Amino acid sequence: MTIDLDRAYWLGLLVSVILPVLVGLVTTRVTHAGSKAVLLLALSGLNGFLVELANPGPGWDAGTAAVLALVTFATAVLAHFGLWKPTGVSSKAQDSLVTGRSAPRGV
């Protein structure tokens, strides 16, 4: 048995690992965690749609796009809590774009 995944799937997997950092770049520290999760879910859905669209197979399949979106979301959540948050990358991403966006001191 050989596993042969197209480049689109590998790129989609890479994007799913980077998505939590992207969400951190476009949100603030005081943004509600639920809002961040909804944004991550929306970006995961977009990633699933685009990966399935880029797949060189015999056409676009909504079921496959939905599965890819769920896998993207799960991978992104795992990457956030298992890789980006413990290493401090999440915090640095939120501090990097606009310095005035951070939480007030003492909070």
N, C-alpha and C. Protein backbone atom coordinates (compact mmCIF):
# COMPACT_ATOMS: atom_id res chain seq x y z
N MET A 1 0.84 -1.18 0.00
CA MET A 1 0.00 0.00 0.00
C MET A 1 0.89 1.24 0.00
N THR A 2 0.67 2.12 -0.94
CA THR A 2 1.42 3.37 -1.01
C THR A 2 0.47 4.54 -0.81
N ILE A 3 0.96 5.54 -0.17
CA ILE A 3 0.17 6.76 0.04
C ILE A 3 0.68 7.80 -0.94
N ASP A 4 -0.21 8.27 -1.78
CA ASP A 4 0.17 9.25 -2.79
C ASP A 4 -0.76 10.44 -2.69
N LEU A 5 -0.34 11.44 -1.94
CA LEU A 5 -1.14 12.65 -1.80
C LEU A 5 -0.60 13.72 -2.73
N ASP A 6 -1.51 14.42 -3.36
CA ASP A 6 -1.12 15.49 -4.26
C ASP A 6 -0.54 16.67 -3.47
N ARG A 7 0.15 17.53 -4.18
CA ARG A 7 0.76 18.70 -3.54
C ARG A 7 -0.28 19.58 -2.86
N ALA A 8 -1.48 19.64 -3.42
CA ALA A 8 -2.53 20.47 -2.84
C ALA A 8 -2.84 20.03 -1.41
N TYR A 9 -2.88 18.74 -1.17
CA TYR A 9 -3.15 18.25 0.18
C TYR A 9 -2.01 18.57 1.14
N TRP A 10 -0.78 18.43 0.69
CA TRP A 10 0.37 18.76 1.54
C TRP A 10 0.39 20.25 1.86
N LEU A 11 0.09 21.08 0.85
CA LEU A 11 0.03 22.52 1.08
C LEU A 11 -1.09 22.86 2.05
N GLY A 12 -2.23 22.20 1.91
CA GLY A 12 -3.34 22.41 2.83
C GLY A 12 -2.98 22.03 4.25
N LEU A 13 -2.22 20.96 4.41
CA LEU A 13 -1.77 20.54 5.74
C LEU A 13 -0.83 21.58 6.34
N LEU A 14 0.08 22.09 5.53
CA LEU A 14 0.99 23.14 5.99
C LEU A 14 0.21 24.39 6.41
N VAL A 15 -0.76 24.77 5.61
CA VAL A 15 -1.59 25.94 5.95
C VAL A 15 -2.32 25.72 7.26
N SER A 16 -2.81 24.50 7.49
CA SER A 16 -3.54 24.23 8.73
C SER A 16 -2.66 24.36 9.97
N VAL A 17 -1.37 24.13 9.83
CA VAL A 17 -0.45 24.29 10.96
C VAL A 17 -0.15 25.77 11.20
N ILE A 18 -0.18 26.57 10.14
CA ILE A 18 0.13 27.99 10.23
C ILE A 18 -1.09 28.85 10.57
N LEU A 19 -2.29 28.34 10.35
CA LEU A 19 -3.51 29.12 10.58
C LEU A 19 -3.62 29.73 11.98
N PRO A 20 -3.28 29.03 13.05
CA PRO A 20 -3.40 29.67 14.37
C PRO A 20 -2.53 30.92 14.52
N VAL A 21 -1.37 30.92 13.90
CA VAL A 21 -0.50 32.10 13.95
C VAL A 21 -1.15 33.23 13.16
N LEU A 22 -1.75 32.91 12.03
CA LEU A 22 -2.44 33.92 11.22
C LEU A 22 -3.60 34.53 12.00
N VAL A 23 -4.36 33.70 12.69
CA VAL A 23 -5.45 34.22 13.53
C VAL A 23 -4.88 35.13 14.61
N GLY A 24 -3.75 34.77 15.19
CA GLY A 24 -3.10 35.61 16.19
C GLY A 24 -2.64 36.94 15.63
N LEU A 25 -2.25 36.94 14.36
CA LEU A 25 -1.80 38.18 13.74
C LEU A 25 -2.94 39.16 13.49
N VAL A 26 -4.13 38.65 13.23
CA VAL A 26 -5.24 39.54 12.88
C VAL A 26 -6.20 39.80 14.04
N THR A 27 -5.91 39.25 15.22
CA THR A 27 -6.75 39.51 16.40
C THR A 27 -5.90 40.11 17.50
N THR A 28 -6.56 40.56 18.54
CA THR A 28 -5.85 41.13 19.68
C THR A 28 -5.89 40.17 20.85
N ARG A 29 -5.14 40.48 21.88
CA ARG A 29 -5.14 39.65 23.08
C ARG A 29 -6.50 39.67 23.77
N VAL A 30 -7.23 40.76 23.63
CA VAL A 30 -8.51 40.88 24.32
C VAL A 30 -9.68 40.38 23.47
N THR A 31 -9.41 39.91 22.27
CA THR A 31 -10.45 39.32 21.45
C THR A 31 -10.95 38.05 22.12
N HIS A 32 -12.26 37.90 22.19
CA HIS A 32 -12.87 36.74 22.85
C HIS A 32 -12.39 35.45 22.17
N ALA A 33 -12.11 34.43 22.97
CA ALA A 33 -11.61 33.16 22.44
C ALA A 33 -12.61 32.53 21.47
N GLY A 34 -13.90 32.73 21.71
CA GLY A 34 -14.92 32.22 20.80
C GLY A 34 -14.84 32.88 19.44
N SER A 35 -14.55 34.17 19.41
CA SER A 35 -14.40 34.88 18.14
C SER A 35 -13.19 34.36 17.36
N LYS A 36 -12.12 34.09 18.09
CA LYS A 36 -10.93 33.54 17.44
C LYS A 36 -11.23 32.15 16.89
N ALA A 37 -11.99 31.35 17.63
CA ALA A 37 -12.34 30.00 17.18
C ALA A 37 -13.22 30.05 15.93
N VAL A 38 -14.16 30.99 15.89
CA VAL A 38 -15.02 31.13 14.71
C VAL A 38 -14.19 31.58 13.51
N LEU A 39 -13.27 32.49 13.71
CA LEU A 39 -12.39 32.92 12.62
C LEU A 39 -11.53 31.75 12.14
N LEU A 40 -11.00 30.97 13.06
CA LEU A 40 -10.20 29.80 12.69
C LEU A 40 -11.05 28.80 11.93
N LEU A 41 -12.29 28.59 12.36
CA LEU A 41 -13.19 27.67 11.66
C LEU A 41 -13.50 28.17 10.25
N ALA A 42 -13.73 29.47 10.10
CA ALA A 42 -14.00 30.03 8.77
C ALA A 42 -12.79 29.88 7.85
N LEU A 43 -11.61 30.16 8.36
CA LEU A 43 -10.39 30.00 7.55
C LEU A 43 -10.14 28.53 7.23
N SER A 44 -10.49 27.64 8.15
CA SER A 44 -10.36 26.20 7.89
C SER A 44 -11.30 25.77 6.77
N GLY A 45 -12.51 26.29 6.80
CA GLY A 45 -13.46 25.99 5.72
C GLY A 45 -12.97 26.49 4.38
N LEU A 46 -12.41 27.69 4.37
CA LEU A 46 -11.85 28.24 3.13
C LEU A 46 -10.68 27.38 2.65
N ASN A 47 -9.84 26.95 3.57
CA ASN A 47 -8.71 26.09 3.20
C ASN A 47 -9.19 24.77 2.61
N GLY A 48 -10.20 24.15 3.23
CA GLY A 48 -10.75 22.90 2.70
C GLY A 48 -11.32 23.07 1.31
N PHE A 49 -12.04 24.17 1.09
CA PHE A 49 -12.61 24.47 -0.22
C PHE A 49 -11.50 24.64 -1.26
N LEU A 50 -10.48 25.44 -0.92
CA LEU A 50 -9.41 25.72 -1.87
C LEU A 50 -8.56 24.49 -2.18
N VAL A 51 -8.30 23.67 -1.17
CA VAL A 51 -7.51 22.45 -1.40
C VAL A 51 -8.27 21.51 -2.33
N GLU A 52 -9.55 21.35 -2.09
CA GLU A 52 -10.33 20.48 -2.97
C GLU A 52 -10.44 21.07 -4.37
N LEU A 53 -10.52 22.38 -4.46
CA LEU A 53 -10.56 23.04 -5.77
C LEU A 53 -9.24 22.84 -6.53
N ALA A 54 -8.12 22.86 -5.80
CA ALA A 54 -6.81 22.70 -6.42
C ALA A 54 -6.46 21.25 -6.70
N ASN A 55 -7.22 20.33 -6.12
CA ASN A 55 -6.96 18.91 -6.34
C ASN A 55 -7.10 18.58 -7.83
N PRO A 56 -6.13 17.93 -8.41
CA PRO A 56 -6.19 17.63 -9.84
C PRO A 56 -7.13 16.48 -10.19
N GLY A 57 -7.90 16.00 -9.24
CA GLY A 57 -8.81 14.88 -9.47
C GLY A 57 -9.96 15.22 -10.42
N PRO A 58 -10.94 14.34 -10.47
CA PRO A 58 -12.00 14.45 -11.47
C PRO A 58 -13.10 15.45 -11.14
N GLY A 59 -12.88 16.45 -10.39
CA GLY A 59 -13.90 17.45 -10.10
C GLY A 59 -13.97 17.79 -8.63
N TRP A 60 -14.75 18.82 -8.33
CA TRP A 60 -14.87 19.30 -6.96
C TRP A 60 -15.95 18.52 -6.25
N ASP A 61 -15.67 18.12 -5.01
CA ASP A 61 -16.61 17.34 -4.22
C ASP A 61 -16.82 18.03 -2.89
N ALA A 62 -18.08 18.39 -2.59
CA ALA A 62 -18.39 19.11 -1.36
C ALA A 62 -18.09 18.27 -0.12
N GLY A 63 -18.32 16.97 -0.19
CA GLY A 63 -18.04 16.10 0.94
C GLY A 63 -16.56 16.08 1.28
N THR A 64 -15.73 15.99 0.27
CA THR A 64 -14.29 16.00 0.49
C THR A 64 -13.84 17.34 1.04
N ALA A 65 -14.41 18.43 0.52
CA ALA A 65 -14.07 19.77 1.03
C ALA A 65 -14.45 19.90 2.49
N ALA A 66 -15.60 19.33 2.89
CA ALA A 66 -16.02 19.39 4.29
C ALA A 66 -15.08 18.59 5.19
N VAL A 67 -14.69 17.41 4.73
CA VAL A 67 -13.75 16.60 5.51
C VAL A 67 -12.40 17.32 5.63
N LEU A 68 -11.94 17.91 4.54
CA LEU A 68 -10.68 18.66 4.58
C LEU A 68 -10.78 19.85 5.54
N ALA A 69 -11.93 20.52 5.57
CA ALA A 69 -12.12 21.64 6.49
C ALA A 69 -12.06 21.17 7.94
N LEU A 70 -12.69 20.04 8.23
CA LEU A 70 -12.65 19.50 9.60
C LEU A 70 -11.25 19.07 10.00
N VAL A 71 -10.54 18.43 9.08
CA VAL A 71 -9.15 18.03 9.36
C VAL A 71 -8.28 19.26 9.56
N THR A 72 -8.50 20.30 8.75
CA THR A 72 -7.74 21.54 8.90
C THR A 72 -8.00 22.17 10.26
N PHE A 73 -9.26 22.24 10.67
CA PHE A 73 -9.60 22.84 11.95
C PHE A 73 -8.98 22.05 13.10
N ALA A 74 -9.10 20.73 13.06
CA ALA A 74 -8.53 19.90 14.13
C ALA A 74 -7.02 20.04 14.19
N THR A 75 -6.38 20.04 13.04
CA THR A 75 -4.92 20.19 12.99
C THR A 75 -4.51 21.56 13.51
N ALA A 76 -5.26 22.60 13.15
CA ALA A 76 -4.93 23.95 13.60
C ALA A 76 -5.07 24.08 15.11
N VAL A 77 -6.13 23.51 15.68
CA VAL A 77 -6.31 23.56 17.13
C VAL A 77 -5.19 22.80 17.84
N LEU A 78 -4.87 21.62 17.32
CA LEU A 78 -3.78 20.85 17.92
C LEU A 78 -2.44 21.58 17.79
N ALA A 79 -2.20 22.21 16.64
CA ALA A 79 -0.95 22.96 16.46
C ALA A 79 -0.89 24.14 17.41
N HIS A 80 -2.03 24.80 17.62
CA HIS A 80 -2.04 25.95 18.53
C HIS A 80 -1.68 25.54 19.96
N PHE A 81 -2.38 24.53 20.46
CA PHE A 81 -2.16 24.14 21.86
C PHE A 81 -0.93 23.27 22.06
N GLY A 82 -0.48 22.59 21.02
CA GLY A 82 0.66 21.70 21.17
C GLY A 82 1.98 22.27 20.71
N LEU A 83 1.94 23.30 19.86
CA LEU A 83 3.19 23.83 19.31
C LEU A 83 3.32 25.34 19.51
N TRP A 84 2.36 26.08 19.02
CA TRP A 84 2.51 27.54 19.00
C TRP A 84 2.36 28.19 20.37
N LYS A 85 1.39 27.77 21.16
CA LYS A 85 1.19 28.38 22.47
C LYS A 85 2.32 28.05 23.45
N PRO A 86 2.73 26.78 23.58
CA PRO A 86 3.83 26.49 24.53
C PRO A 86 5.16 27.14 24.16
N THR A 87 5.41 27.36 22.88
CA THR A 87 6.68 27.96 22.47
C THR A 87 6.64 29.48 22.50
N GLY A 88 5.45 30.06 22.73
CA GLY A 88 5.34 31.52 22.80
C GLY A 88 5.13 32.19 21.47
N VAL A 89 5.02 31.44 20.40
CA VAL A 89 4.84 32.02 19.07
C VAL A 89 3.49 32.75 18.99
N SER A 90 2.46 32.19 19.60
CA SER A 90 1.13 32.82 19.59
C SER A 90 1.18 34.21 20.20
N SER A 91 1.84 34.34 21.34
CA SER A 91 1.94 35.64 22.01
C SER A 91 2.74 36.63 21.18
N LYS A 92 3.83 36.16 20.60
CA LYS A 92 4.66 37.05 19.77
C LYS A 92 3.92 37.49 18.52
N ALA A 93 3.10 36.61 17.95
CA ALA A 93 2.32 36.97 16.77
C ALA A 93 1.34 38.08 17.09
N GLN A 94 0.70 38.01 18.25
CA GLN A 94 -0.26 39.04 18.60
C GLN A 94 0.42 40.36 18.96
N ASP A 95 1.65 40.33 19.36
CA ASP A 95 2.37 41.55 19.70
C ASP A 95 3.10 42.16 18.50
N SER A 96 3.16 41.44 17.39
CA SER A 96 4.06 41.86 16.31
C SER A 96 3.52 42.95 15.39
N LEU A 97 2.24 42.95 15.07
CA LEU A 97 1.75 43.88 14.06
C LEU A 97 1.55 45.29 14.57
N VAL A 98 0.70 45.46 15.55
CA VAL A 98 0.38 46.79 16.07
C VAL A 98 0.60 46.78 17.56
N THR A 99 1.48 47.63 18.05
CA THR A 99 1.80 47.63 19.46
C THR A 99 0.66 48.15 20.31
N GLY A 100 -0.21 48.97 19.78
CA GLY A 100 -1.32 49.53 20.53
C GLY A 100 -2.46 48.54 20.73
N ARG A 101 -2.35 47.36 20.18
CA ARG A 101 -3.43 46.39 20.28
C ARG A 101 -3.33 45.51 21.52
N SER A 102 -2.25 45.55 22.25
CA SER A 102 -2.09 44.65 23.37
C SER A 102 -2.97 45.07 24.54
N ALA A 103 -3.17 44.16 25.47
CA ALA A 103 -4.01 44.43 26.63
C ALA A 103 -3.36 45.48 27.52
N PRO A 104 -4.17 46.26 28.23
CA PRO A 104 -3.60 47.26 29.14
C PRO A 104 -2.75 46.58 30.20
N ARG A 105 -1.77 47.31 30.69
CA ARG A 105 -0.89 46.75 31.73
C ARG A 105 -1.68 46.52 33.00
N GLY A 106 -1.32 45.44 33.67
CA GLY A 106 -1.98 45.12 34.92
C GLY A 106 -3.20 44.23 34.73
N VAL A 107 -3.50 43.86 33.51
CA VAL A 107 -4.66 43.00 33.26
C VAL A 107 -4.22 41.59 33.11
